[in-house]
Amino acid sequence: MAKSFHVEYSKNAAKAFSKMDSFDGCADPRRRGKGLTGNHGSEWRYRVGDYRIIAEIQDEKLIVLVLAIGHRSDVNIEIEGKFS
């Protein structure tokens, strides 16, 4: 039988994910975040302690799509590298 991996989350990562649960049923997720500019104008940034969540709001589907979660010192580098 093949071994399989199990995913575990740090306390901070679990907290970031739990904060995203508060968007379920939210009438306007834009009230909780800050819109990005330039090439990332369709994306939004949410603060959760020292972490940042980068998301895209898909109005036609009523979905908040999480693109990245990272420490505030790293997430800007990730945005420039992956999503440019």
PDB file of N, CA and C in Angstrom:
ATOM      1  N   MET A   1       0.854  -1.189   0.000  1.00  0.00           N
ATOM      2  CA  MET A   1       0.000   0.000   0.000  1.00  0.00           C
ATOM      3  C   MET A   1       0.894   1.246   0.000  1.00  0.00           C
ATOM      4  N   ALA A   2       0.569   2.196  -0.840  1.00  0.00           N
ATOM      5  CA  ALA A   2       1.346   3.430  -0.963  1.00  0.00           C
ATOM      6  C   ALA A   2       1.096   4.346   0.223  1.00  0.00           C
ATOM      7  N   LYS A   3       2.161   5.015   0.626  1.00  0.00           N
ATOM      8  CA  LYS A   3       2.034   6.005   1.701  1.00  0.00           C
ATOM      9  C   LYS A   3       1.451   7.276   1.124  1.00  0.00           C
ATOM     10  N   SER A   4       0.710   8.001   1.934  1.00  0.00           N
ATOM     11  CA  SER A   4       0.155   9.272   1.486  1.00  0.00           C
ATOM     12  C   SER A   4       0.493  10.364   2.484  1.00  0.00           C
ATOM     13  N   PHE A   5       0.625  11.537   1.980  1.00  0.00           N
ATOM     14  CA  PHE A   5       0.958  12.689   2.807  1.00  0.00           C
ATOM     15  C   PHE A   5      -0.282  13.229   3.498  1.00  0.00           C
ATOM     16  N   HIS A   6      -0.048  13.844   4.637  1.00  0.00           N
ATOM     17  CA  HIS A   6      -1.098  14.508   5.403  1.00  0.00           C
ATOM     18  C   HIS A   6      -0.705  15.974   5.523  1.00  0.00           C
ATOM     19  N   VAL A   7      -1.617  16.864   5.249  1.00  0.00           N
ATOM     20  CA  VAL A   7      -1.343  18.294   5.326  1.00  0.00           C
ATOM     21  C   VAL A   7      -1.724  18.807   6.700  1.00  0.00           C
ATOM     22  N   GLU A   8      -0.813  19.544   7.304  1.00  0.00           N
ATOM     23  CA  GLU A   8      -1.078  20.199   8.585  1.00  0.00           C
ATOM     24  C   GLU A   8      -0.805  21.688   8.407  1.00  0.00           C
ATOM     25  N   TYR A   9      -1.506  22.504   9.176  1.00  0.00           N
ATOM     26  CA  TYR A   9      -1.367  23.952   9.093  1.00  0.00           C
ATOM     27  C   TYR A   9      -0.808  24.497  10.392  1.00  0.00           C
ATOM     28  N   SER A  10       0.077  25.480  10.276  1.00  0.00           N
ATOM     29  CA  SER A  10       0.551  26.161  11.475  1.00  0.00           C
ATOM     30  C   SER A  10      -0.609  26.935  12.084  1.00  0.00           C
ATOM     31  N   LYS A  11      -0.445  27.356  13.300  1.00  0.00           N
ATOM     32  CA  LYS A  11      -1.496  28.123  13.973  1.00  0.00           C
ATOM     33  C   LYS A  11      -1.841  29.381  13.188  1.00  0.00           C
ATOM     34  N   ASN A  12      -0.811  30.072  12.685  1.00  0.00           N
ATOM     35  CA  ASN A  12      -1.049  31.309  11.925  1.00  0.00           C
ATOM     36  C   ASN A  12      -1.746  31.037  10.600  1.00  0.00           C
ATOM     37  N   ALA A  13      -1.349  29.963   9.907  1.00  0.00           N
ATOM     38  CA  ALA A  13      -2.007  29.634   8.635  1.00  0.00           C
ATOM     39  C   ALA A  13      -3.459  29.243   8.865  1.00  0.00           C
ATOM     40  N   ALA A  14      -3.715  28.463   9.914  1.00  0.00           N
ATOM     41  CA  ALA A  14      -5.090  28.072  10.237  1.00  0.00           C
ATOM     42  C   ALA A  14      -5.934  29.294  10.557  1.00  0.00           C
ATOM     43  N   LYS A  15      -5.327  30.256  11.238  1.00  0.00           N
ATOM     44  CA  LYS A  15      -6.049  31.489  11.577  1.00  0.00           C
ATOM     45  C   LYS A  15      -6.393  32.266  10.304  1.00  0.00           C
ATOM     46  N   ALA A  16      -5.454  32.340   9.365  1.00  0.00           N
ATOM     47  CA  ALA A  16      -5.702  33.046   8.110  1.00  0.00           C
ATOM     48  C   ALA A  16      -6.847  32.383   7.344  1.00  0.00           C
ATOM     49  N   PHE A  17      -6.837  31.051   7.293  1.00  0.00           N
ATOM     50  CA  PHE A  17      -7.916  30.342   6.612  1.00  0.00           C
ATOM     51  C   PHE A  17      -9.245  30.554   7.322  1.00  0.00           C
ATOM     52  N   SER A  18      -9.234  30.566   8.643  1.00  0.00           N
ATOM     53  CA  SER A  18     -10.500  30.758   9.365  1.00  0.00           C
ATOM     54  C   SER A  18     -11.062  32.150   9.136  1.00  0.00           C
ATOM     55  N   LYS A  19     -10.193  33.136   8.955  1.00  0.00           N
ATOM     56  CA  LYS A  19     -10.662  34.493   8.652  1.00  0.00           C
ATOM     57  C   LYS A  19     -11.347  34.530   7.289  1.00  0.00           C
ATOM     58  N   MET A  20     -10.872  33.731   6.350  1.00  0.00           N
ATOM     59  CA  MET A  20     -11.490  33.696   5.033  1.00  0.00           C
ATOM     60  C   MET A  20     -12.889  33.090   5.107  1.00  0.00           C
ATOM     61  N   ASP A  21     -13.134  32.201   6.086  1.00  0.00           N
ATOM     62  CA  ASP A  21     -14.476  31.633   6.247  1.00  0.00           C
ATOM     63  C   ASP A  21     -15.511  32.710   6.521  1.00  0.00           C
ATOM     64  N   SER A  22     -15.076  33.835   7.087  1.00  0.00           N
ATOM     65  CA  SER A  22     -16.018  34.911   7.388  1.00  0.00           C
ATOM     66  C   SER A  22     -16.540  35.588   6.120  1.00  0.00           C
ATOM     67  N   PHE A  23     -15.937  35.293   4.964  1.00  0.00           N
ATOM     68  CA  PHE A  23     -16.409  35.850   3.704  1.00  0.00           C
ATOM     69  C   PHE A  23     -17.592  35.079   3.144  1.00  0.00           C
ATOM     70  N   ASP A  24     -17.791  33.835   3.608  1.00  0.00           N
ATOM     71  CA  ASP A  24     -18.945  33.064   3.146  1.00  0.00           C
ATOM     72  C   ASP A  24     -20.218  33.787   3.551  1.00  0.00           C
ATOM     73  N   GLY A  25     -21.062  34.072   2.584  1.00  0.00           N
ATOM     74  CA  GLY A  25     -22.316  34.759   2.855  1.00  0.00           C
ATOM     75  C   GLY A  25     -22.171  36.269   2.989  1.00  0.00           C
ATOM     76  N   CYS A  26     -20.969  36.784   2.776  1.00  0.00           N
ATOM     77  CA  CYS A  26     -20.712  38.221   2.879  1.00  0.00           C
ATOM     78  C   CYS A  26     -21.324  38.932   1.668  1.00  0.00           C
ATOM     79  N   ALA A  27     -22.040  40.012   1.910  1.00  0.00           N
ATOM     80  CA  ALA A  27     -22.684  40.748   0.822  1.00  0.00           C
ATOM     81  C   ALA A  27     -21.668  41.540  -0.013  1.00  0.00           C
ATOM     82  N   ASP A  28     -20.608  42.067   0.615  1.00  0.00           N
ATOM     83  CA  ASP A  28     -19.625  42.867  -0.104  1.00  0.00           C
ATOM     84  C   ASP A  28     -18.229  42.649   0.486  1.00  0.00           C
ATOM     85  N   PRO A  29     -17.441  41.701  -0.059  1.00  0.00           N
ATOM     86  CA  PRO A  29     -16.101  41.446   0.469  1.00  0.00           C
ATOM     87  C   PRO A  29     -15.139  42.621   0.282  1.00  0.00           C
ATOM     88  N   ARG A  30     -15.474  43.570  -0.553  1.00  0.00           N
ATOM     89  CA  ARG A  30     -14.610  44.728  -0.763  1.00  0.00           C
ATOM     90  C   ARG A  30     -14.528  45.617   0.482  1.00  0.00           C
ATOM     91  N   ARG A  31     -15.527  45.555   1.328  1.00  0.00           N
ATOM     92  CA  ARG A  31     -15.531  46.383   2.542  1.00  0.00           C
ATOM     93  C   ARG A  31     -14.435  45.962   3.518  1.00  0.00           C
ATOM     94  N   ARG A  32     -13.948  44.745   3.383  1.00  0.00           N
ATOM     95  CA  ARG A  32     -12.962  44.221   4.337  1.00  0.00           C
ATOM     96  C   ARG A  32     -11.531  44.273   3.816  1.00  0.00           C
ATOM     97  N   GLY A  33     -11.350  44.627   2.537  1.00  0.00           N
ATOM     98  CA  GLY A  33     -10.017  44.582   1.954  1.00  0.00           C
ATOM     99  C   GLY A  33      -9.625  45.888   1.305  1.00  0.00           C
ATOM    100  N   LYS A  34      -8.491  45.841   0.628  1.00  0.00           N
ATOM    101  CA  LYS A  34      -7.985  47.008  -0.084  1.00  0.00           C
ATOM    102  C   LYS A  34      -7.666  46.577  -1.512  1.00  0.00           C
ATOM    103  N   GLY A  35      -8.175  47.316  -2.476  1.00  0.00           N
ATOM    104  CA  GLY A  35      -7.925  46.995  -3.877  1.00  0.00           C
ATOM    105  C   GLY A  35      -6.485  47.259  -4.266  1.00  0.00           C
ATOM    106  N   LEU A  36      -5.911  46.366  -5.054  1.00  0.00           N
ATOM    107  CA  LEU A  36      -4.563  46.567  -5.569  1.00  0.00           C
ATOM    108  C   LEU A  36      -4.642  47.437  -6.812  1.00  0.00           C
ATOM    109  N   THR A  37      -3.505  47.921  -7.247  1.00  0.00           N
ATOM    110  CA  THR A  37      -3.474  48.842  -8.390  1.00  0.00           C
ATOM    111  C   THR A  37      -2.588  48.288  -9.506  1.00  0.00           C
ATOM    112  N   GLY A  38      -2.528  48.997 -10.595  1.00  0.00           N
ATOM    113  CA  GLY A  38      -1.664  48.631 -11.715  1.00  0.00           C
ATOM    114  C   GLY A  38      -2.109  47.343 -12.377  1.00  0.00           C
ATOM    115  N   ASN A  39      -1.152  46.463 -12.643  1.00  0.00           N
ATOM    116  CA  ASN A  39      -1.438  45.187 -13.305  1.00  0.00           C
ATOM    117  C   ASN A  39      -2.293  44.268 -12.445  1.00  0.00           C
ATOM    118  N   HIS A  40      -2.430  44.574 -11.174  1.00  0.00           N
ATOM    119  CA  HIS A  40      -3.186  43.739 -10.237  1.00  0.00           C
ATOM    120  C   HIS A  40      -4.491  44.411  -9.820  1.00  0.00           C
ATOM    121  N   GLY A  41      -5.016  45.270 -10.684  1.00  0.00           N
ATOM    122  CA  GLY A  41      -6.209  46.047 -10.373  1.00  0.00           C
ATOM    123  C   GLY A  41      -7.452  45.233 -10.082  1.00  0.00           C
ATOM    124  N   SER A  42      -7.480  43.985 -10.509  1.00  0.00           N
ATOM    125  CA  SER A  42      -8.651  43.141 -10.242  1.00  0.00           C
ATOM    126  C   SER A  42      -8.508  42.337  -8.950  1.00  0.00           C
ATOM    127  N   GLU A  43      -7.390  42.523  -8.255  1.00  0.00           N
ATOM    128  CA  GLU A  43      -7.112  41.746  -7.043  1.00  0.00           C
ATOM    129  C   GLU A  43      -7.277  42.604  -5.790  1.00  0.00           C
ATOM    130  N   TRP A  44      -7.509  41.910  -4.670  1.00  0.00           N
ATOM    131  CA  TRP A  44      -7.721  42.568  -3.392  1.00  0.00           C
ATOM    132  C   TRP A  44      -6.786  41.987  -2.356  1.00  0.00           C
ATOM    133  N   ARG A  45      -6.392  42.821  -1.384  1.00  0.00           N
ATOM    134  CA  ARG A  45      -5.506  42.401  -0.304  1.00  0.00           C
ATOM    135  C   ARG A  45      -6.266  42.482   1.008  1.00  0.00           C
ATOM    136  N   TYR A  46      -6.116  41.429   1.805  1.00  0.00           N
ATOM    137  CA  TYR A  46      -6.749  41.375   3.126  1.00  0.00           C
ATOM    138  C   TYR A  46      -5.670  41.156   4.167  1.00  0.00           C
ATOM    139  N   ARG A  47      -5.759  41.882   5.269  1.00  0.00           N
ATOM    140  CA  ARG A  47      -4.797  41.760   6.358  1.00  0.00           C
ATOM    141  C   ARG A  47      -5.339  40.815   7.419  1.00  0.00           C
ATOM    142  N   VAL A  48      -4.493  39.876   7.835  1.00  0.00           N
ATOM    143  CA  VAL A  48      -4.809  38.970   8.943  1.00  0.00           C
ATOM    144  C   VAL A  48      -3.552  38.916   9.797  1.00  0.00           C
ATOM    145  N   GLY A  49      -3.490  39.770  10.803  1.00  0.00           N
ATOM    146  CA  GLY A  49      -2.283  39.840  11.625  1.00  0.00           C
ATOM    147  C   GLY A  49      -1.092  40.218  10.773  1.00  0.00           C
ATOM    148  N   ASP A  50      -0.030  39.398  10.832  1.00  0.00           N
ATOM    149  CA  ASP A  50       1.171  39.643  10.040  1.00  0.00           C
ATOM    150  C   ASP A  50       1.092  39.026   8.651  1.00  0.00           C
ATOM    151  N   TYR A  51      -0.044  38.464   8.317  1.00  0.00           N
ATOM    152  CA  TYR A  51      -0.204  37.783   7.040  1.00  0.00           C
ATOM    153  C   TYR A  51      -1.099  38.578   6.103  1.00  0.00           C
ATOM    154  N   ARG A  52      -0.896  38.355   4.809  1.00  0.00           N
ATOM    155  CA  ARG A  52      -1.708  38.997   3.788  1.00  0.00           C
ATOM    156  C   ARG A  52      -2.338  37.926   2.910  1.00  0.00           C
ATOM    157  N   ILE A  53      -3.559  38.148   2.545  1.00  0.00           N
ATOM    158  CA  ILE A  53      -4.278  37.253   1.653  1.00  0.00           C
ATOM    159  C   ILE A  53      -4.575  38.045   0.390  1.00  0.00           C
ATOM    160  N   ILE A  54      -4.157  37.513  -0.748  1.00  0.00           N
ATOM    161  CA  ILE A  54      -4.412  38.144  -2.030  1.00  0.00           C
ATOM    162  C   ILE A  54      -5.536  37.359  -2.697  1.00  0.00           C
ATOM    163  N   ALA A  55      -6.573  38.062  -3.112  1.00  0.00           N
ATOM    164  CA  ALA A  55      -7.740  37.382  -3.683  1.00  0.00           C
ATOM    165  C   ALA A  55      -8.274  38.146  -4.873  1.00  0.00           C
ATOM    166  N   GLU A  56      -9.032  37.424  -5.668  1.00  0.00           N
ATOM    167  CA  GLU A  56      -9.727  38.008  -6.812  1.00  0.00           C
ATOM    168  C   GLU A  56     -11.218  37.826  -6.565  1.00  0.00           C
ATOM    169  N   ILE A  57     -11.966  38.883  -6.695  1.00  0.00           N
ATOM    170  CA  ILE A  57     -13.415  38.815  -6.481  1.00  0.00           C
ATOM    171  C   ILE A  57     -14.074  38.603  -7.839  1.00  0.00           C
ATOM    172  N   GLN A  58     -14.797  37.498  -7.957  1.00  0.00           N
ATOM    173  CA  GLN A  58     -15.496  37.165  -9.200  1.00  0.00           C
ATOM    174  C   GLN A  58     -16.984  37.436  -8.996  1.00  0.00           C
ATOM    175  N   ASP A  59     -17.387  38.650  -9.332  1.00  0.00           N
ATOM    176  CA  ASP A  59     -18.761  39.087  -9.095  1.00  0.00           C
ATOM    177  C   ASP A  59     -19.801  38.226  -9.801  1.00  0.00           C
ATOM    178  N   GLU A  60     -19.512  37.832 -11.043  1.00  0.00           N
ATOM    179  CA  GLU A  60     -20.500  37.070 -11.807  1.00  0.00           C
ATOM    180  C   GLU A  60     -20.777  35.695 -11.209  1.00  0.00           C
ATOM    181  N   LYS A  61     -19.798  35.156 -10.452  1.00  0.00           N
ATOM    182  CA  LYS A  61     -19.975  33.843  -9.817  1.00  0.00           C
ATOM    183  C   LYS A  61     -20.168  33.942  -8.305  1.00  0.00           C
ATOM    184  N   LEU A  62     -20.066  35.159  -7.763  1.00  0.00           N
ATOM    185  CA  LEU A  62     -20.136  35.400  -6.318  1.00  0.00           C
ATOM    186  C   LEU A  62     -19.091  34.577  -5.574  1.00  0.00           C
ATOM    187  N   ILE A  63     -17.833  34.651  -6.068  1.00  0.00           N
ATOM    188  CA  ILE A  63     -16.726  33.893  -5.494  1.00  0.00           C
ATOM    189  C   ILE A  63     -15.599  34.843  -5.120  1.00  0.00           C
ATOM    190  N   VAL A  64     -14.969  34.599  -3.963  1.00  0.00           N
ATOM    191  CA  VAL A  64     -13.713  35.232  -3.588  1.00  0.00           C
ATOM    192  C   VAL A  64     -12.653  34.151  -3.770  1.00  0.00           C
ATOM    193  N   LEU A  65     -11.830  34.270  -4.806  1.00  0.00           N
ATOM    194  CA  LEU A  65     -10.820  33.272  -5.136  1.00  0.00           C
ATOM    195  C   LEU A  65      -9.493  33.673  -4.499  1.00  0.00           C
ATOM    196  N   VAL A  66      -9.003  32.878  -3.549  1.00  0.00           N
ATOM    197  CA  VAL A  66      -7.734  33.159  -2.876  1.00  0.00           C
ATOM    198  C   VAL A  66      -6.600  32.780  -3.816  1.00  0.00           C
ATOM    199  N   LEU A  67      -5.719  33.743  -4.109  1.00  0.00           N
ATOM    200  CA  LEU A  67      -4.591  33.523  -5.010  1.00  0.00           C
ATOM    201  C   LEU A  67      -3.301  33.255  -4.250  1.00  0.00           C
ATOM    202  N   ALA A  68      -3.139  33.887  -3.089  1.00  0.00           N
ATOM    203  CA  ALA A  68      -1.909  33.725  -2.315  1.00  0.00           C
ATOM    204  C   ALA A  68      -2.163  34.090  -0.861  1.00  0.00           C
ATOM    205  N   ILE A  69      -1.458  33.409   0.015  1.00  0.00           N
ATOM    206  CA  ILE A  69      -1.442  33.742   1.436  1.00  0.00           C
ATOM    207  C   ILE A  69       0.014  33.717   1.854  1.00  0.00           C
ATOM    208  N   GLY A  70       0.469  34.779   2.486  1.00  0.00           N
ATOM    209  CA  GLY A  70       1.869  34.809   2.899  1.00  0.00           C
ATOM    210  C   GLY A  70       2.124  35.844   3.962  1.00  0.00           C
ATOM    211  N   HIS A  71       3.313  35.751   4.551  1.00  0.00           N
ATOM    212  CA  HIS A  71       3.730  36.746   5.531  1.00  0.00           C
ATOM    213  C   HIS A  71       3.835  38.086   4.827  1.00  0.00           C
ATOM    214  N   ARG A  72       3.548  39.138   5.529  1.00  0.00           N
ATOM    215  CA  ARG A  72       3.496  40.459   4.888  1.00  0.00           C
ATOM    216  C   ARG A  72       4.815  40.849   4.232  1.00  0.00           C
ATOM    217  N   SER A  73       5.947  40.341   4.727  1.00  0.00           N
ATOM    218  CA  SER A  73       7.230  40.676   4.113  1.00  0.00           C
ATOM    219  C   SER A  73       7.474  39.915   2.817  1.00  0.00           C
ATOM    220  N   ASP A  74       6.750  38.806   2.612  1.00  0.00           N
ATOM    221  CA  ASP A  74       6.971  37.974   1.435  1.00  0.00           C
ATOM    222  C   ASP A  74       5.890  38.097   0.373  1.00  0.00           C
ATOM    223  N   VAL A  75       4.691  38.459   0.754  1.00  0.00           N
ATOM    224  CA  VAL A  75       3.574  38.386  -0.190  1.00  0.00           C
ATOM    225  C   VAL A  75       3.722  39.367  -1.346  1.00  0.00           C
ATOM    226  N   ASN A  76       4.326  40.515  -1.143  1.00  0.00           N
ATOM    227  CA  ASN A  76       4.516  41.460  -2.241  1.00  0.00           C
ATOM    228  C   ASN A  76       5.487  40.910  -3.271  1.00  0.00           C
ATOM    229  N   ILE A  77       6.532  40.207  -2.818  1.00  0.00           N
ATOM    230  CA  ILE A  77       7.484  39.586  -3.736  1.00  0.00           C
ATOM    231  C   ILE A  77       6.774  38.502  -4.533  1.00  0.00           C
ATOM    232  N   GLU A  78       5.937  37.724  -3.873  1.00  0.00           N
ATOM    233  CA  GLU A  78       5.208  36.655  -4.538  1.00  0.00           C
ATOM    234  C   GLU A  78       4.259  37.210  -5.590  1.00  0.00           C
ATOM    235  N   ILE A  79       3.605  38.311  -5.283  1.00  0.00           N
ATOM    236  CA  ILE A  79       2.677  38.916  -6.238  1.00  0.00           C
ATOM    237  C   ILE A  79       3.443  39.352  -7.480  1.00  0.00           C
ATOM    238  N   GLU A  80       4.579  40.014  -7.295  1.00  0.00           N
ATOM    239  CA  GLU A  80       5.357  40.503  -8.431  1.00  0.00           C
ATOM    240  C   GLU A  80       5.887  39.344  -9.264  1.00  0.00           C
ATOM    241  N   GLY A  81       6.278  38.255  -8.620  1.00  0.00           N
ATOM    242  CA  GLY A  81       6.867  37.143  -9.334  1.00  0.00           C
ATOM    243  C   GLY A  81       5.850  36.252 -10.031  1.00  0.00           C
ATOM    244  N   LYS A  82       4.781  35.891  -9.375  1.00  0.00           N
ATOM    245  CA  LYS A  82       3.825  34.921  -9.916  1.00  0.00           C
ATOM    246  C   LYS A  82       2.735  35.531 -10.761  1.00  0.00           C
ATOM    247  N   PHE A  83       2.275  36.692 -10.380  1.00  0.00           N
ATOM    248  CA  PHE A  83       1.076  37.211 -11.013  1.00  0.00           C
ATOM    249  C   PHE A  83       1.341  38.373 -11.953  1.00  0.00           C
ATOM    250  N   SER A  84       2.588  38.668 -12.240  1.00  0.00           N
ATOM    251  CA  SER A  84       2.896  39.781 -13.142  1.00  0.00           C
ATOM    252  C   SER A  84       2.741  39.373 -14.581  1.00  0.00           C
TER     253      SER A  84
END
